[in-house]
C-alpha atoms as a PDB file:
ATOM      1  CA  MET A   1       9.509   7.245  10.833  1.00  0.00           C
ATOM      2  CA  VAL A   2       5.849   7.893  10.208  1.00  0.00           C
ATOM      3  CA  GLY A   3       3.854   7.210  13.332  1.00  0.00           C
ATOM      4  CA  ALA A   4       3.297   3.689  14.575  1.00  0.00           C
ATOM      5  CA  LEU A   5       3.330   2.281  11.060  1.00  0.00           C
ATOM      6  CA  ALA A   6       7.105   2.594  11.017  1.00  0.00           C
ATOM      7  CA  VAL A   7       7.576   3.433   7.382  1.00  0.00           C
ATOM      8  CA  GLY A   8      10.760   5.370   6.944  1.00  0.00           C
ATOM      9  CA  CYS A   9      13.307   6.278   4.349  1.00  0.00           C
ATOM     10  CA  SER A  10      16.958   5.432   4.592  1.00  0.00           C
ATOM     11  CA  GLY A  11      18.975   7.983   2.726  1.00  0.00           C
ATOM     12  CA  GLY A  12      16.957   8.192  -0.488  1.00  0.00           C
ATOM     13  CA  SER A  13      18.754   6.466  -3.369  1.00  0.00           C
ATOM     14  CA  SER A  14      21.828   5.560  -1.263  1.00  0.00           C
ATOM     15  CA  GLY A  15      20.272   2.272  -0.172  1.00  0.00           C
ATOM     16  CA  PRO A  16      17.046   0.347   0.244  1.00  0.00           C
ATOM     17  CA  LEU A  17      13.996   2.054   1.654  1.00  0.00           C
ATOM     18  CA  THR A  18      13.282   0.916   5.205  1.00  0.00           C
ATOM     19  CA  VAL A  19       9.715  -0.359   5.458  1.00  0.00           C
ATOM     20  CA  ASN A  20       8.667  -2.307   8.538  1.00  0.00           C
ATOM     21  CA  PRO A  21       6.404  -5.132   7.416  1.00  0.00           C
ATOM     22  CA  PRO A  22       3.171  -5.844   9.251  1.00  0.00           C
ATOM     23  CA  SER A  23       2.774  -9.245  10.916  1.00  0.00           C
ATOM     24  CA  PRO A  24      -0.397 -10.899   9.638  1.00  0.00           C
ATOM     25  CA  ALA A  25      -1.043 -14.576  10.274  1.00  0.00           C
ATOM     26  CA  GLY A  26      -2.698 -17.446   8.452  1.00  0.00           C
ATOM     27  CA  GLN A  27      -4.800 -16.719   5.396  1.00  0.00           C
ATOM     28  CA  VAL A  28      -3.949 -12.990   5.368  1.00  0.00           C
ATOM     29  CA  ALA A  29      -0.237 -13.784   5.089  1.00  0.00           C
ATOM     30  CA  THR A  30      -0.974 -16.210   2.241  1.00  0.00           C
ATOM     31  CA  VAL A  31      -3.099 -13.618   0.416  1.00  0.00           C
ATOM     32  CA  CYS A  32      -0.368 -10.999   0.842  1.00  0.00           C
ATOM     33  CA  GLY A  33       2.233 -13.371  -0.589  1.00  0.00           C
ATOM     34  CA  ALA A  34       0.053 -13.890  -3.658  1.00  0.00           C
ATOM     35  CA  LEU A  35      -0.387 -10.129  -4.025  1.00  0.00           C
ATOM     36  CA  HIS A  36       3.358  -9.569  -3.768  1.00  0.00           C
ATOM     37  CA  ASP A  37       3.953 -12.049  -6.594  1.00  0.00           C
ATOM     38  CA  ALA A  38       1.426 -10.190  -8.772  1.00  0.00           C
ATOM     39  CA  LEU A  39       2.694  -6.640  -8.186  1.00  0.00           C
ATOM     40  CA  PRO A  40       3.881  -4.628 -11.191  1.00  0.00           C
ATOM     41  CA  ARG A  41       7.558  -3.796 -11.707  1.00  0.00           C
ATOM     42  CA  ARG A  42       6.527  -0.221 -12.466  1.00  0.00           C
ATOM     43  CA  LEU A  43       3.775   1.699 -10.708  1.00  0.00           C
ATOM     44  CA  ASP A  44       2.390   4.784 -12.423  1.00  0.00           C
ATOM     45  CA  GLY A  45       5.709   5.083 -14.264  1.00  0.00           C
ATOM     46  CA  ARG A  46       7.841   4.635 -11.130  1.00  0.00           C
ATOM     47  CA  PRO A  47      10.394   1.801 -11.047  1.00  0.00           C
ATOM     48  CA  ALA A  48      10.411  -0.700  -8.197  1.00  0.00           C
ATOM     49  CA  THR A  49      12.540   0.422  -5.240  1.00  0.00           C
ATOM     50  CA  PRO A  50      14.379  -2.076  -3.025  1.00  0.00           C
ATOM     51  CA  VAL A  51      13.022  -2.317   0.517  1.00  0.00           C
ATOM     52  CA  SER A  52      14.646  -3.464   3.716  1.00  0.00           C
ATOM     53  CA  PRO A  53      13.976  -5.841   5.262  1.00  0.00           C
ATOM     54  CA  LYS A  54      12.919  -7.882   2.233  1.00  0.00           C
ATOM     55  CA  SER A  55       9.366  -9.068   2.758  1.00  0.00           C
ATOM     56  CA  ALA A  56       6.442 -10.438   0.772  1.00  0.00           C
ATOM     57  CA  LEU A  57       4.335  -7.959   2.758  1.00  0.00           C
ATOM     58  CA  THR A  58       5.924  -4.764   1.428  1.00  0.00           C
ATOM     59  CA  ALA A  59       6.847  -3.094  -1.845  1.00  0.00           C
ATOM     60  CA  ALA A  60       7.878   0.368  -3.003  1.00  0.00           C
ATOM     61  CA  TRP A  61       8.228   2.294  -6.224  1.00  0.00           C
ATOM     62  CA  GLY A  62      10.026   5.545  -7.059  1.00  0.00           C
ATOM     63  CA  ASP A  63      11.822   8.211  -5.057  1.00  0.00           C
ATOM     64  CA  PRO A  64      10.129   9.596  -3.062  1.00  0.00           C
ATOM     65  CA  ALA A  65       8.493   6.209  -2.839  1.00  0.00           C
ATOM     66  CA  VAL A  66       4.945   5.016  -3.090  1.00  0.00           C
ATOM     67  CA  VAL A  67       4.894   2.299  -0.407  1.00  0.00           C
ATOM     68  CA  LEU A  68       2.608  -0.719  -0.195  1.00  0.00           C
ATOM     69  CA  ARG A  69       2.122  -2.793   2.974  1.00  0.00           C
ATOM     70  CA  CYS A  70      -0.177  -5.818   2.938  1.00  0.00           C
ATOM     71  CA  GLY A  71      -1.728  -7.267   6.067  1.00  0.00           C
ATOM     72  CA  VAL A  72      -1.938  -4.058   8.058  1.00  0.00           C
ATOM     73  CA  GLY A  73      -4.600  -3.643  10.726  1.00  0.00           C
ATOM     74  CA  LYS A  74      -7.877  -1.884  10.107  1.00  0.00           C
ATOM     75  CA  PRO A  75      -7.263   1.886  10.128  1.00  0.00           C
ATOM     76  CA  ALA A  76      -8.552   3.513  13.304  1.00  0.00           C
ATOM     77  CA  GLU A  77     -10.174   6.218  11.162  1.00  0.00           C
ATOM     78  CA  LEU A  78     -12.207   3.659   9.191  1.00  0.00           C
ATOM     79  CA  LEU A  79     -15.804   3.591  10.424  1.00  0.00           C
ATOM     80  CA  PRO A  80     -18.919   1.935   8.950  1.00  0.00           C
ATOM     81  CA  THR A  81     -19.994   5.397   7.782  1.00  0.00           C
ATOM     82  CA  SER A  82     -16.631   6.302   6.192  1.00  0.00           C
ATOM     83  CA  GLU A  83     -16.627   7.260   2.559  1.00  0.00           C
ATOM     84  CA  THR A  84     -14.640   5.092   0.176  1.00  0.00           C
ATOM     85  CA  ILE A  85     -13.514   5.570  -3.389  1.00  0.00           C
ATOM     86  CA  ASP A  86     -13.625   3.012  -6.169  1.00  0.00           C
ATOM     87  CA  VAL A  87     -10.671   2.663  -8.521  1.00  0.00           C
ATOM     88  CA  ASN A  88     -11.178   0.014 -11.211  1.00  0.00           C
ATOM     89  CA  ASP A  89     -13.463  -2.113  -9.006  1.00  0.00           C
ATOM     90  CA  VAL A  90     -11.299  -1.916  -5.873  1.00  0.00           C
ATOM     91  CA  ARG A  91     -12.711   0.069  -2.945  1.00  0.00           C
ATOM     92  CA  TRP A  92     -10.262   2.184  -0.967  1.00  0.00           C
ATOM     93  CA  PHE A  93     -10.591   4.128   2.260  1.00  0.00           C
ATOM     94  CA  PHE A  94      -8.638   7.391   2.118  1.00  0.00           C
ATOM     95  CA  HIS A  95      -7.109   9.594   4.767  1.00  0.00           C
ATOM     96  CA  ASP A  96      -4.008  11.721   4.850  1.00  0.00           C
ATOM     97  CA  THR A  97      -1.220  12.686   7.190  1.00  0.00           C
ATOM     98  CA  LYS A  98       1.273  15.504   7.126  1.00  0.00           C
ATOM     99  CA  ASP A  99       3.542  13.468   4.824  1.00  0.00           C
ATOM    100  CA  ALA A 100       1.351  11.094   2.815  1.00  0.00           C
ATOM    101  CA  TYR A 101      -1.988  10.276   1.243  1.00  0.00           C
ATOM    102  CA  ILE A 102      -2.954   6.883   2.651  1.00  0.00           C
ATOM    103  CA  PHE A 103      -5.253   4.490   0.829  1.00  0.00           C
ATOM    104  CA  THR A 104      -6.378   1.202   2.410  1.00  0.00           C
ATOM    105  CA  THR A 105      -8.409  -1.460   0.655  1.00  0.00           C
ATOM    106  CA  TYR A 106     -11.920  -1.884   1.992  1.00  0.00           C
ATOM    107  CA  GLY A 107     -14.052  -5.031   1.918  1.00  0.00           C
ATOM    108  CA  ARG A 108     -11.168  -7.393   1.131  1.00  0.00           C
ATOM    109  CA  ALA A 109      -9.732 -10.419   2.965  1.00  0.00           C
ATOM    110  CA  ALA A 110      -6.637  -8.366   3.823  1.00  0.00           C
ATOM    111  CA  PHE A 111      -6.101  -4.673   4.380  1.00  0.00           C
ATOM    112  CA  VAL A 112      -3.617  -3.363   1.802  1.00  0.00           C
ATOM    113  CA  GLU A 113      -2.205   0.068   2.576  1.00  0.00           C
ATOM    114  CA  VAL A 114      -0.692   2.333  -0.069  1.00  0.00           C
ATOM    115  CA  ARG A 115       1.131   5.492   0.991  1.00  0.00           C
ATOM    116  CA  VAL A 116       1.581   8.130  -1.681  1.00  0.00           C
ATOM    117  CA  PRO A 117       3.984  10.939  -0.748  1.00  0.00           C
ATOM    118  CA  LYS A 118       2.572  14.452  -0.470  1.00  0.00           C
ATOM    119  CA  SER A 119       5.088  15.534  -3.120  1.00  0.00           C
ATOM    120  CA  VAL A 120       2.539  14.047  -5.550  1.00  0.00           C
ATOM    121  CA  PRO A 121      -0.222  16.566  -6.322  1.00  0.00           C
ATOM    122  CA  ARG A 122      -3.454  15.593  -4.553  1.00  0.00           C
ATOM    123  CA  GLU A 123      -5.355  15.246  -7.837  1.00  0.00           C
ATOM    124  CA  GLN A 124      -2.794  12.634  -8.975  1.00  0.00           C
ATOM    125  CA  ALA A 125      -2.579  10.695  -5.689  1.00  0.00           C
ATOM    126  CA  THR A 126      -4.944   7.943  -6.858  1.00  0.00           C
ATOM    127  CA  ALA A 127      -2.973   7.254 -10.067  1.00  0.00           C
ATOM    128  CA  PRO A 128      -0.872   4.441  -8.501  1.00  0.00           C
ATOM    129  CA  LEU A 129      -4.096   2.684  -7.481  1.00  0.00           C
ATOM    130  CA  VAL A 130      -4.956   2.141 -11.150  1.00  0.00           C
ATOM    131  CA  ASP A 131      -1.880  -0.089 -11.629  1.00  0.00           C
ATOM    132  CA  LEU A 132      -2.638  -1.926  -8.368  1.00  0.00           C
ATOM    133  CA  ALA A 133      -6.271  -2.721  -9.187  1.00  0.00           C
ATOM    134  CA  ARG A 134      -5.661  -5.884 -11.227  1.00  0.00           C
ATOM    135  CA  PRO A 135      -3.166  -7.427  -8.753  1.00  0.00           C
ATOM    136  CA  VAL A 136      -5.545  -6.691  -5.843  1.00  0.00           C
ATOM    137  CA  LEU A 137      -8.573  -8.067  -7.709  1.00  0.00           C
ATOM    138  CA  ASP A 138      -6.668 -11.216  -8.692  1.00  0.00           C
ATOM    139  CA  SER A 139      -4.964 -11.849  -5.333  1.00  0.00           C
ATOM    140  CA  VAL A 140      -6.992 -10.408  -2.470  1.00  0.00           C
ATOM    141  CA  PRO A 141     -10.489 -11.901  -2.325  1.00  0.00           C
ATOM    142  CA  VAL A 142     -13.540  -9.964  -1.225  1.00  0.00           C
ATOM    143  CA  ALA A 143     -14.153 -10.331   2.522  1.00  0.00           C
ATOM    144  CA  GLU A 144     -16.925 -12.675   3.541  1.00  0.00           C
END
């Protein structure tokens, strides 16, 4: 398990990856469902990985997996003065933990979190965000 976000692996390739989905309501849940339908089958060359429980709020690719969770809460570290990065017209807030680089969309109707394992070199950690830009732009509107 990784902190309160409850993202964990279950035995690598021996079964689905355990990813606890967030619990957004209303419009955020609808937006996340649309994003899920638009997600690529491959992300930065990684094939889709089954997740458990199945949810329109989560997705994963590769082993070790890049994990997406849609409808998460605003990161505690995200402040009005926080720096963000732009990847193909999607703004992301970045912070890292011992195990992962964590990117969260900024300025969108839903917070979309992407966890990239630290086994990926830091200079390549944003590569999965390139493949996610179009689905996010098409599915997750800019916040009002």
